[in-house]
Amino acid sequence: MSVALGLSLVIATFLAIMGGVLALSFRERRAGKRIEVDDVAAQNASDARLLTAIFGSIIGGMVLTLVTASLVFAY
């Protein structure tokens, strides 16, 4: 695998991860607008889902970058 192909895979995967996080964020924001003001548990659950997606994608991106880098430099 060439370096250019490896880097293009990293960029494509980064864009896919960012697209997924943005889609989830916008969906959760729309759902959050329907939550009643005094329903603190639902608001906390919405925040938790959003933070889990964001931090999960950060870790996933790091792992994916390491895997791709190891594939590029293995050849």
N, C-alpha and C. Protein backbone atom coordinates (compact mmCIF):
# COMPACT_ATOMS: atom_id res chain seq x y z
N MET A 1 0.85 -1.17 0.00
CA MET A 1 0.00 0.00 0.00
C MET A 1 0.90 1.24 0.00
N SER A 2 0.61 2.15 -0.90
CA SER A 2 1.43 3.36 -0.98
C SER A 2 1.02 4.35 0.10
N VAL A 3 1.88 5.31 0.31
CA VAL A 3 1.61 6.33 1.31
C VAL A 3 0.42 7.17 0.91
N ALA A 4 0.30 7.48 -0.38
CA ALA A 4 -0.83 8.29 -0.86
C ALA A 4 -2.15 7.56 -0.64
N LEU A 5 -2.18 6.27 -0.89
CA LEU A 5 -3.40 5.50 -0.66
C LEU A 5 -3.73 5.43 0.81
N GLY A 6 -2.73 5.25 1.65
CA GLY A 6 -2.95 5.21 3.09
C GLY A 6 -3.48 6.52 3.62
N LEU A 7 -2.91 7.62 3.16
CA LEU A 7 -3.38 8.93 3.60
C LEU A 7 -4.78 9.23 3.10
N SER A 8 -5.08 8.80 1.89
CA SER A 8 -6.44 9.02 1.39
C SER A 8 -7.45 8.17 2.16
N LEU A 9 -7.05 6.99 2.61
CA LEU A 9 -7.94 6.19 3.46
C LEU A 9 -8.17 6.85 4.80
N VAL A 10 -7.12 7.45 5.37
CA VAL A 10 -7.26 8.15 6.64
C VAL A 10 -8.20 9.34 6.49
N ILE A 11 -8.03 10.11 5.43
CA ILE A 11 -8.89 11.28 5.20
C ILE A 11 -10.33 10.85 4.96
N ALA A 12 -10.54 9.81 4.16
CA ALA A 12 -11.90 9.34 3.89
C ALA A 12 -12.57 8.83 5.17
N THR A 13 -11.82 8.12 5.98
CA THR A 13 -12.37 7.61 7.23
C THR A 13 -12.66 8.74 8.20
N PHE A 14 -11.78 9.73 8.24
CA PHE A 14 -12.01 10.89 9.09
C PHE A 14 -13.30 11.60 8.68
N LEU A 15 -13.49 11.78 7.39
CA LEU A 15 -14.71 12.43 6.92
C LEU A 15 -15.96 11.60 7.24
N ALA A 16 -15.84 10.29 7.16
CA ALA A 16 -16.98 9.43 7.50
C ALA A 16 -17.31 9.52 8.98
N ILE A 17 -16.30 9.52 9.82
CA ILE A 17 -16.53 9.63 11.27
C ILE A 17 -17.13 10.99 11.60
N MET A 18 -16.59 12.06 11.03
CA MET A 18 -17.12 13.39 11.29
C MET A 18 -18.55 13.54 10.79
N GLY A 19 -18.85 12.96 9.65
CA GLY A 19 -20.21 13.00 9.13
C GLY A 19 -21.19 12.29 10.05
N GLY A 20 -20.77 11.16 10.57
CA GLY A 20 -21.62 10.43 11.52
C GLY A 20 -21.86 11.20 12.80
N VAL A 21 -20.82 11.81 13.31
CA VAL A 21 -20.96 12.59 14.56
C VAL A 21 -21.85 13.81 14.32
N LEU A 22 -21.68 14.48 13.20
CA LEU A 22 -22.52 15.64 12.89
C LEU A 22 -23.98 15.24 12.73
N ALA A 23 -24.22 14.14 12.03
CA ALA A 23 -25.61 13.68 11.85
C ALA A 23 -26.24 13.34 13.19
N LEU A 24 -25.51 12.65 14.05
CA LEU A 24 -26.03 12.31 15.36
C LEU A 24 -26.26 13.55 16.21
N SER A 25 -25.35 14.51 16.11
CA SER A 25 -25.49 15.74 16.89
C SER A 25 -26.73 16.52 16.49
N PHE A 26 -26.95 16.66 15.20
CA PHE A 26 -28.13 17.39 14.74
C PHE A 26 -29.42 16.66 15.09
N ARG A 27 -29.39 15.32 14.99
CA ARG A 27 -30.59 14.55 15.34
C ARG A 27 -30.88 14.68 16.83
N GLU A 28 -29.85 14.63 17.64
CA GLU A 28 -30.03 14.75 19.09
C GLU A 28 -30.48 16.15 19.48
N ARG A 29 -30.02 17.15 18.75
CA ARG A 29 -30.45 18.52 19.02
C ARG A 29 -31.94 18.70 18.72
N ARG A 30 -32.37 18.13 17.59
CA ARG A 30 -33.81 18.19 17.27
C ARG A 30 -34.64 17.45 18.32
N ALA A 31 -34.15 16.31 18.76
CA ALA A 31 -34.88 15.56 19.78
C ALA A 31 -34.86 16.29 21.11
N GLY A 32 -33.77 16.99 21.40
CA GLY A 32 -33.65 17.72 22.66
C GLY A 32 -34.61 18.89 22.76
N LYS A 33 -35.00 19.44 21.63
CA LYS A 33 -35.94 20.56 21.64
C LYS A 33 -37.34 20.12 22.07
N ARG A 34 -37.63 18.83 21.92
CA ARG A 34 -38.94 18.31 22.31
C ARG A 34 -39.01 17.90 23.78
N ILE A 35 -37.87 17.93 24.46
CA ILE A 35 -37.84 17.56 25.87
C ILE A 35 -38.39 18.71 26.71
N GLU A 36 -39.20 18.37 27.67
CA GLU A 36 -39.75 19.38 28.56
C GLU A 36 -38.63 20.03 29.38
N VAL A 37 -38.83 21.27 29.75
CA VAL A 37 -37.81 22.03 30.49
C VAL A 37 -37.54 21.41 31.86
N ASP A 38 -38.56 20.87 32.49
CA ASP A 38 -38.38 20.35 33.85
C ASP A 38 -37.99 18.86 33.87
N ASP A 39 -37.77 18.25 32.71
CA ASP A 39 -37.38 16.84 32.65
C ASP A 39 -35.85 16.75 32.62
N VAL A 40 -35.25 16.83 33.79
CA VAL A 40 -33.80 16.86 33.90
C VAL A 40 -33.18 15.52 33.50
N ALA A 41 -33.84 14.43 33.81
CA ALA A 41 -33.29 13.11 33.48
C ALA A 41 -33.17 12.93 31.96
N ALA A 42 -34.18 13.36 31.24
CA ALA A 42 -34.14 13.24 29.77
C ALA A 42 -33.06 14.16 29.18
N GLN A 43 -32.89 15.33 29.75
CA GLN A 43 -31.84 16.23 29.27
C GLN A 43 -30.46 15.65 29.54
N ASN A 44 -30.28 15.05 30.69
CA ASN A 44 -28.99 14.42 31.02
C ASN A 44 -28.72 13.24 30.11
N ALA A 45 -29.76 12.46 29.80
CA ALA A 45 -29.58 11.31 28.91
C ALA A 45 -29.21 11.77 27.50
N SER A 46 -29.81 12.86 27.05
CA SER A 46 -29.48 13.41 25.74
C SER A 46 -28.03 13.88 25.70
N ASP A 47 -27.61 14.55 26.74
CA ASP A 47 -26.22 15.00 26.81
C ASP A 47 -25.26 13.82 26.85
N ALA A 48 -25.61 12.78 27.58
CA ALA A 48 -24.75 11.60 27.68
C ALA A 48 -24.61 10.90 26.33
N ARG A 49 -25.71 10.80 25.59
CA ARG A 49 -25.62 10.17 24.26
C ARG A 49 -24.71 10.96 23.34
N LEU A 50 -24.82 12.26 23.39
CA LEU A 50 -24.01 13.11 22.53
C LEU A 50 -22.53 13.02 22.91
N LEU A 51 -22.22 13.08 24.19
CA LEU A 51 -20.83 13.00 24.62
C LEU A 51 -20.23 11.63 24.33
N THR A 52 -21.03 10.58 24.46
CA THR A 52 -20.54 9.24 24.14
C THR A 52 -20.18 9.13 22.66
N ALA A 53 -21.01 9.69 21.81
CA ALA A 53 -20.72 9.66 20.38
C ALA A 53 -19.46 10.45 20.05
N ILE A 54 -19.32 11.62 20.65
CA ILE A 54 -18.16 12.46 20.35
C ILE A 54 -16.87 11.80 20.82
N PHE A 55 -16.83 11.39 22.08
CA PHE A 55 -15.60 10.80 22.60
C PHE A 55 -15.33 9.42 22.01
N GLY A 56 -16.38 8.68 21.68
CA GLY A 56 -16.19 7.41 21.00
C GLY A 56 -15.58 7.59 19.63
N SER A 57 -16.00 8.62 18.92
CA SER A 57 -15.44 8.86 17.60
C SER A 57 -14.00 9.34 17.69
N ILE A 58 -13.66 10.06 18.73
CA ILE A 58 -12.27 10.48 18.91
C ILE A 58 -11.37 9.26 19.09
N ILE A 59 -11.78 8.36 19.95
CA ILE A 59 -11.00 7.15 20.19
C ILE A 59 -10.96 6.28 18.94
N GLY A 60 -12.10 6.15 18.27
CA GLY A 60 -12.14 5.38 17.03
C GLY A 60 -11.24 5.95 15.96
N GLY A 61 -11.21 7.27 15.85
CA GLY A 61 -10.32 7.90 14.87
C GLY A 61 -8.86 7.67 15.19
N MET A 62 -8.51 7.71 16.47
CA MET A 62 -7.13 7.45 16.86
C MET A 62 -6.71 6.02 16.53
N VAL A 63 -7.58 5.09 16.85
CA VAL A 63 -7.27 3.68 16.56
C VAL A 63 -7.17 3.45 15.06
N LEU A 64 -8.09 4.02 14.31
CA LEU A 64 -8.08 3.85 12.86
C LEU A 64 -6.82 4.46 12.24
N THR A 65 -6.40 5.59 12.74
CA THR A 65 -5.18 6.21 12.25
C THR A 65 -3.97 5.32 12.53
N LEU A 66 -3.92 4.74 13.71
CA LEU A 66 -2.81 3.84 14.04
C LEU A 66 -2.81 2.60 13.15
N VAL A 67 -3.97 2.05 12.90
CA VAL A 67 -4.07 0.86 12.04
C VAL A 67 -3.64 1.21 10.63
N THR A 68 -4.12 2.32 10.11
CA THR A 68 -3.75 2.72 8.76
C THR A 68 -2.27 3.03 8.66
N ALA A 69 -1.74 3.72 9.65
CA ALA A 69 -0.30 4.02 9.64
C ALA A 69 0.53 2.76 9.70
N SER A 70 0.10 1.79 10.48
CA SER A 70 0.87 0.55 10.56
C SER A 70 0.80 -0.22 9.22
N LEU A 71 -0.32 -0.12 8.52
CA LEU A 71 -0.41 -0.76 7.21
C LEU A 71 0.45 -0.06 6.19
N VAL A 72 0.48 1.26 6.24
CA VAL A 72 1.29 2.02 5.26
C VAL A 72 2.77 1.76 5.48
N PHE A 73 3.20 1.81 6.74
CA PHE A 73 4.63 1.66 6.99
C PHE A 73 5.09 0.22 7.06
N ALA A 74 4.18 -0.73 6.96
CA ALA A 74 4.58 -2.14 6.96
C ALA A 74 5.17 -2.54 5.61
N TYR A 75 4.83 -1.79 4.57
CA TYR A 75 5.32 -2.15 3.23
C TYR A 75 6.43 -1.30 2.78
